[in-house]
Structures are given as structure tokens and as C-alpha cells.
Amino acid sequence: MDCFVYVLGCRHKGRTLTYVGWTNDVPRRLKQHNTGKGARTTRGRTWVLLHSESFATRNEAMSREWHLKRERAFRKKLAQKIKP
């Protein structure tokens, strides 16, 4: 079963925000975030998919998620794709 790490982005009150997570189904998870059923910190905002990576196991995906959450420069570069 493939697992994915994804980076979402949004513009909110003049700021650019990013969110990193992992899932088995990226489109379903994005829909959950945008309908208020995702993580609490993503509620009330419209998110776009900025980046995703595929992994063979859940452990690999979770490890990469941990690293991406700490790679602020990488997420900032991805967030530049969001139009103001």
C-alpha cells in the first residue's frame, strides 16, 4: 500500500501558511482539509496541494513528514507558488 507525504498551502489574513501531513489518499485528504474535517489547524481555510511524495510504507512516509516539518526553507519555497 502506497503512503504519501503532502504539503498544503494557503493565504490567510495576508500570511502564507503551510501544512505537512501523510495519507494513503491525497485527493481525499485535501478534500477533508477543505471541508473542515482535517486537522484542527487547517479548518476554516482553503488549501491547495503544493507537493507530494510517495513511499512504500507508512513508517517511511511518517519519517519524511517529520523531516519536512522541520525544513522551513523548503516549505517557504513551495509557498511562493501561491498567488497573493
N, C-alpha and C. Protein backbone atom coordinates (compact mmCIF):
# COMPACT_ATOMS: atom_id res chain seq x y z
N MET A 1 0.84 -1.18 0.00
CA MET A 1 0.00 0.00 0.00
C MET A 1 0.89 1.25 0.00
N ASP A 2 0.67 2.13 -0.97
CA ASP A 2 1.43 3.36 -1.04
C ASP A 2 0.95 4.35 0.02
N CYS A 3 1.90 5.06 0.58
CA CYS A 3 1.61 6.14 1.51
C CYS A 3 2.25 7.40 0.94
N PHE A 4 1.66 8.53 1.24
CA PHE A 4 2.11 9.79 0.68
C PHE A 4 2.35 10.81 1.78
N VAL A 5 3.35 11.64 1.56
CA VAL A 5 3.55 12.84 2.37
C VAL A 5 3.14 14.00 1.47
N TYR A 6 2.44 14.97 2.04
CA TYR A 6 1.97 16.09 1.24
C TYR A 6 2.20 17.39 1.97
N VAL A 7 2.34 18.46 1.18
CA VAL A 7 2.47 19.81 1.72
C VAL A 7 1.33 20.63 1.12
N LEU A 8 0.55 21.23 1.99
CA LEU A 8 -0.54 22.11 1.57
C LEU A 8 -0.15 23.54 1.84
N GLY A 9 -0.77 24.46 1.11
CA GLY A 9 -0.51 25.88 1.34
C GLY A 9 -1.78 26.68 1.20
N CYS A 10 -1.81 27.84 1.87
CA CYS A 10 -2.94 28.75 1.73
C CYS A 10 -2.50 30.17 2.10
N ARG A 11 -3.29 31.12 1.63
CA ARG A 11 -3.13 32.52 2.03
C ARG A 11 -4.24 32.81 3.02
N HIS A 12 -3.87 33.37 4.17
CA HIS A 12 -4.86 33.65 5.20
C HIS A 12 -4.46 34.92 5.94
N LYS A 13 -5.32 35.93 5.86
CA LYS A 13 -5.09 37.21 6.54
C LYS A 13 -3.71 37.79 6.21
N GLY A 14 -3.36 37.73 4.90
CA GLY A 14 -2.11 38.32 4.45
C GLY A 14 -0.87 37.47 4.69
N ARG A 15 -1.04 36.30 5.28
CA ARG A 15 0.09 35.41 5.52
C ARG A 15 -0.01 34.18 4.65
N THR A 16 1.13 33.58 4.36
CA THR A 16 1.15 32.31 3.65
C THR A 16 1.43 31.22 4.67
N LEU A 17 0.56 30.22 4.71
CA LEU A 17 0.69 29.13 5.66
C LEU A 17 0.94 27.83 4.92
N THR A 18 1.65 26.91 5.57
CA THR A 18 1.83 25.57 5.01
C THR A 18 1.44 24.54 6.06
N TYR A 19 1.09 23.38 5.58
CA TYR A 19 0.73 22.25 6.45
C TYR A 19 1.33 21.00 5.84
N VAL A 20 1.94 20.16 6.67
CA VAL A 20 2.55 18.91 6.22
C VAL A 20 1.83 17.74 6.88
N GLY A 21 1.50 16.72 6.09
CA GLY A 21 0.84 15.54 6.63
C GLY A 21 1.15 14.32 5.79
N TRP A 22 0.60 13.17 6.20
CA TRP A 22 0.77 11.94 5.43
C TRP A 22 -0.60 11.27 5.30
N THR A 23 -0.77 10.47 4.25
CA THR A 23 -2.05 9.82 3.99
C THR A 23 -1.87 8.68 3.00
N ASN A 24 -2.94 7.92 2.80
CA ASN A 24 -2.97 6.89 1.76
C ASN A 24 -3.65 7.41 0.50
N ASP A 25 -4.35 8.54 0.61
CA ASP A 25 -5.15 9.07 -0.50
C ASP A 25 -5.11 10.60 -0.46
N VAL A 26 -4.25 11.19 -1.25
CA VAL A 26 -4.03 12.64 -1.21
C VAL A 26 -5.29 13.43 -1.60
N PRO A 27 -5.99 13.12 -2.70
CA PRO A 27 -7.19 13.90 -3.04
C PRO A 27 -8.27 13.86 -1.95
N ARG A 28 -8.49 12.68 -1.36
CA ARG A 28 -9.47 12.56 -0.27
C ARG A 28 -9.06 13.41 0.92
N ARG A 29 -7.78 13.38 1.27
CA ARG A 29 -7.29 14.13 2.43
C ARG A 29 -7.39 15.64 2.19
N LEU A 30 -7.07 16.10 0.99
CA LEU A 30 -7.18 17.52 0.66
C LEU A 30 -8.64 17.96 0.80
N LYS A 31 -9.55 17.12 0.32
CA LYS A 31 -10.98 17.43 0.43
C LYS A 31 -11.38 17.53 1.90
N GLN A 32 -10.87 16.64 2.74
CA GLN A 32 -11.17 16.69 4.17
C GLN A 32 -10.69 18.01 4.78
N HIS A 33 -9.48 18.41 4.45
CA HIS A 33 -8.94 19.67 4.98
C HIS A 33 -9.82 20.85 4.55
N ASN A 34 -10.24 20.85 3.30
CA ASN A 34 -11.02 21.98 2.78
C ASN A 34 -12.48 21.99 3.22
N THR A 35 -12.97 20.88 3.76
CA THR A 35 -14.35 20.86 4.26
C THR A 35 -14.42 20.89 5.78
N GLY A 36 -13.29 21.16 6.43
CA GLY A 36 -13.28 21.30 7.89
C GLY A 36 -13.19 19.99 8.64
N LYS A 37 -12.89 18.89 7.95
CA LYS A 37 -12.80 17.59 8.62
C LYS A 37 -11.36 17.10 8.74
N GLY A 38 -10.41 17.97 8.42
CA GLY A 38 -9.00 17.61 8.54
C GLY A 38 -8.47 18.00 9.90
N ALA A 39 -7.20 18.24 9.98
CA ALA A 39 -6.57 18.65 11.23
C ALA A 39 -7.18 19.97 11.71
N ARG A 40 -7.24 20.16 12.99
CA ARG A 40 -7.85 21.36 13.57
C ARG A 40 -7.17 22.64 13.06
N THR A 41 -5.87 22.61 12.87
CA THR A 41 -5.16 23.82 12.44
C THR A 41 -5.44 24.20 10.99
N THR A 42 -6.08 23.30 10.24
CA THR A 42 -6.36 23.61 8.83
C THR A 42 -7.79 24.07 8.61
N ARG A 43 -8.61 24.06 9.63
CA ARG A 43 -10.03 24.38 9.47
C ARG A 43 -10.26 25.85 9.17
N GLY A 44 -11.26 26.10 8.32
CA GLY A 44 -11.63 27.47 8.01
C GLY A 44 -10.78 28.13 6.94
N ARG A 45 -9.97 27.36 6.26
CA ARG A 45 -9.11 27.90 5.21
C ARG A 45 -9.25 27.05 3.96
N THR A 46 -8.91 27.63 2.82
CA THR A 46 -8.92 26.89 1.56
C THR A 46 -7.48 26.54 1.21
N TRP A 47 -7.20 25.26 1.14
CA TRP A 47 -5.84 24.77 0.93
C TRP A 47 -5.66 24.29 -0.50
N VAL A 48 -4.41 24.40 -1.00
CA VAL A 48 -4.03 23.85 -2.30
C VAL A 48 -2.84 22.91 -2.08
N LEU A 49 -2.77 21.89 -2.90
CA LEU A 49 -1.66 20.95 -2.81
C LEU A 49 -0.43 21.57 -3.45
N LEU A 50 0.65 21.66 -2.70
CA LEU A 50 1.90 22.22 -3.21
C LEU A 50 2.91 21.15 -3.59
N HIS A 51 2.86 19.99 -2.89
CA HIS A 51 3.90 18.99 -3.08
C HIS A 51 3.42 17.66 -2.50
N SER A 52 3.79 16.55 -3.12
CA SER A 52 3.55 15.23 -2.53
C SER A 52 4.66 14.28 -2.94
N GLU A 53 4.90 13.30 -2.09
CA GLU A 53 5.91 12.27 -2.33
C GLU A 53 5.29 10.92 -1.96
N SER A 54 5.65 9.88 -2.70
CA SER A 54 5.11 8.55 -2.48
C SER A 54 6.16 7.67 -1.78
N PHE A 55 5.67 6.82 -0.86
CA PHE A 55 6.54 5.90 -0.13
C PHE A 55 5.88 4.53 -0.06
N ALA A 56 6.70 3.50 0.06
CA ALA A 56 6.19 2.13 0.09
C ALA A 56 5.55 1.79 1.43
N THR A 57 6.02 2.40 2.52
CA THR A 57 5.50 2.06 3.84
C THR A 57 5.07 3.30 4.61
N ARG A 58 4.20 3.07 5.58
CA ARG A 58 3.73 4.14 6.45
C ARG A 58 4.88 4.74 7.25
N ASN A 59 5.80 3.89 7.73
CA ASN A 59 6.93 4.38 8.52
C ASN A 59 7.82 5.33 7.72
N GLU A 60 8.05 4.99 6.45
CA GLU A 60 8.85 5.87 5.61
C GLU A 60 8.16 7.21 5.42
N ALA A 61 6.86 7.18 5.18
CA ALA A 61 6.10 8.42 4.99
C ALA A 61 6.11 9.27 6.25
N MET A 62 5.92 8.64 7.39
CA MET A 62 5.91 9.38 8.66
C MET A 62 7.28 9.97 8.97
N SER A 63 8.33 9.26 8.62
CA SER A 63 9.68 9.79 8.83
C SER A 63 9.92 11.02 7.95
N ARG A 64 9.51 10.92 6.70
CA ARG A 64 9.68 12.07 5.79
C ARG A 64 8.82 13.24 6.24
N GLU A 65 7.62 12.98 6.75
CA GLU A 65 6.76 14.04 7.27
C GLU A 65 7.49 14.78 8.40
N TRP A 66 8.09 14.04 9.30
CA TRP A 66 8.83 14.62 10.43
C TRP A 66 9.92 15.55 9.92
N HIS A 67 10.65 15.10 8.89
CA HIS A 67 11.73 15.92 8.34
C HIS A 67 11.19 17.16 7.62
N LEU A 68 10.13 17.00 6.84
CA LEU A 68 9.55 18.15 6.12
C LEU A 68 9.03 19.22 7.07
N LYS A 69 8.51 18.81 8.20
CA LYS A 69 8.00 19.78 9.17
C LYS A 69 9.13 20.66 9.70
N ARG A 70 10.34 20.20 9.61
CA ARG A 70 11.50 20.96 10.09
C ARG A 70 12.26 21.68 8.98
N GLU A 71 11.89 21.45 7.73
CA GLU A 71 12.55 22.09 6.58
C GLU A 71 11.78 23.35 6.19
N ARG A 72 11.89 24.37 6.99
CA ARG A 72 11.15 25.62 6.76
C ARG A 72 11.52 26.28 5.43
N ALA A 73 12.78 26.24 5.06
CA ALA A 73 13.21 26.87 3.81
C ALA A 73 12.54 26.19 2.61
N PHE A 74 12.44 24.87 2.64
CA PHE A 74 11.80 24.12 1.56
C PHE A 74 10.32 24.49 1.47
N ARG A 75 9.64 24.53 2.62
CA ARG A 75 8.21 24.87 2.63
C ARG A 75 7.99 26.31 2.20
N LYS A 76 8.89 27.20 2.58
CA LYS A 76 8.76 28.61 2.17
C LYS A 76 8.89 28.73 0.66
N LYS A 77 9.82 27.98 0.07
CA LYS A 77 10.00 27.98 -1.38
C LYS A 77 8.74 27.45 -2.07
N LEU A 78 8.15 26.38 -1.54
CA LEU A 78 6.91 25.86 -2.10
C LEU A 78 5.77 26.88 -1.99
N ALA A 79 5.72 27.59 -0.89
CA ALA A 79 4.64 28.55 -0.64
C ALA A 79 4.67 29.71 -1.63
N GLN A 80 5.79 29.94 -2.26
CA GLN A 80 5.88 31.03 -3.24
C GLN A 80 5.02 30.74 -4.47
N LYS A 81 4.57 29.49 -4.63
CA LYS A 81 3.71 29.13 -5.75
C LYS A 81 2.30 29.69 -5.56
N ILE A 82 1.94 30.04 -4.32
CA ILE A 82 0.58 30.53 -4.03
C ILE A 82 0.49 31.99 -4.44
N LYS A 83 -0.50 32.29 -5.25
CA LYS A 83 -0.68 33.68 -5.72
C LYS A 83 -1.32 34.51 -4.61
N PRO A 84 -0.81 35.72 -4.40
CA PRO A 84 -1.39 36.60 -3.36
C PRO A 84 -2.80 37.05 -3.66
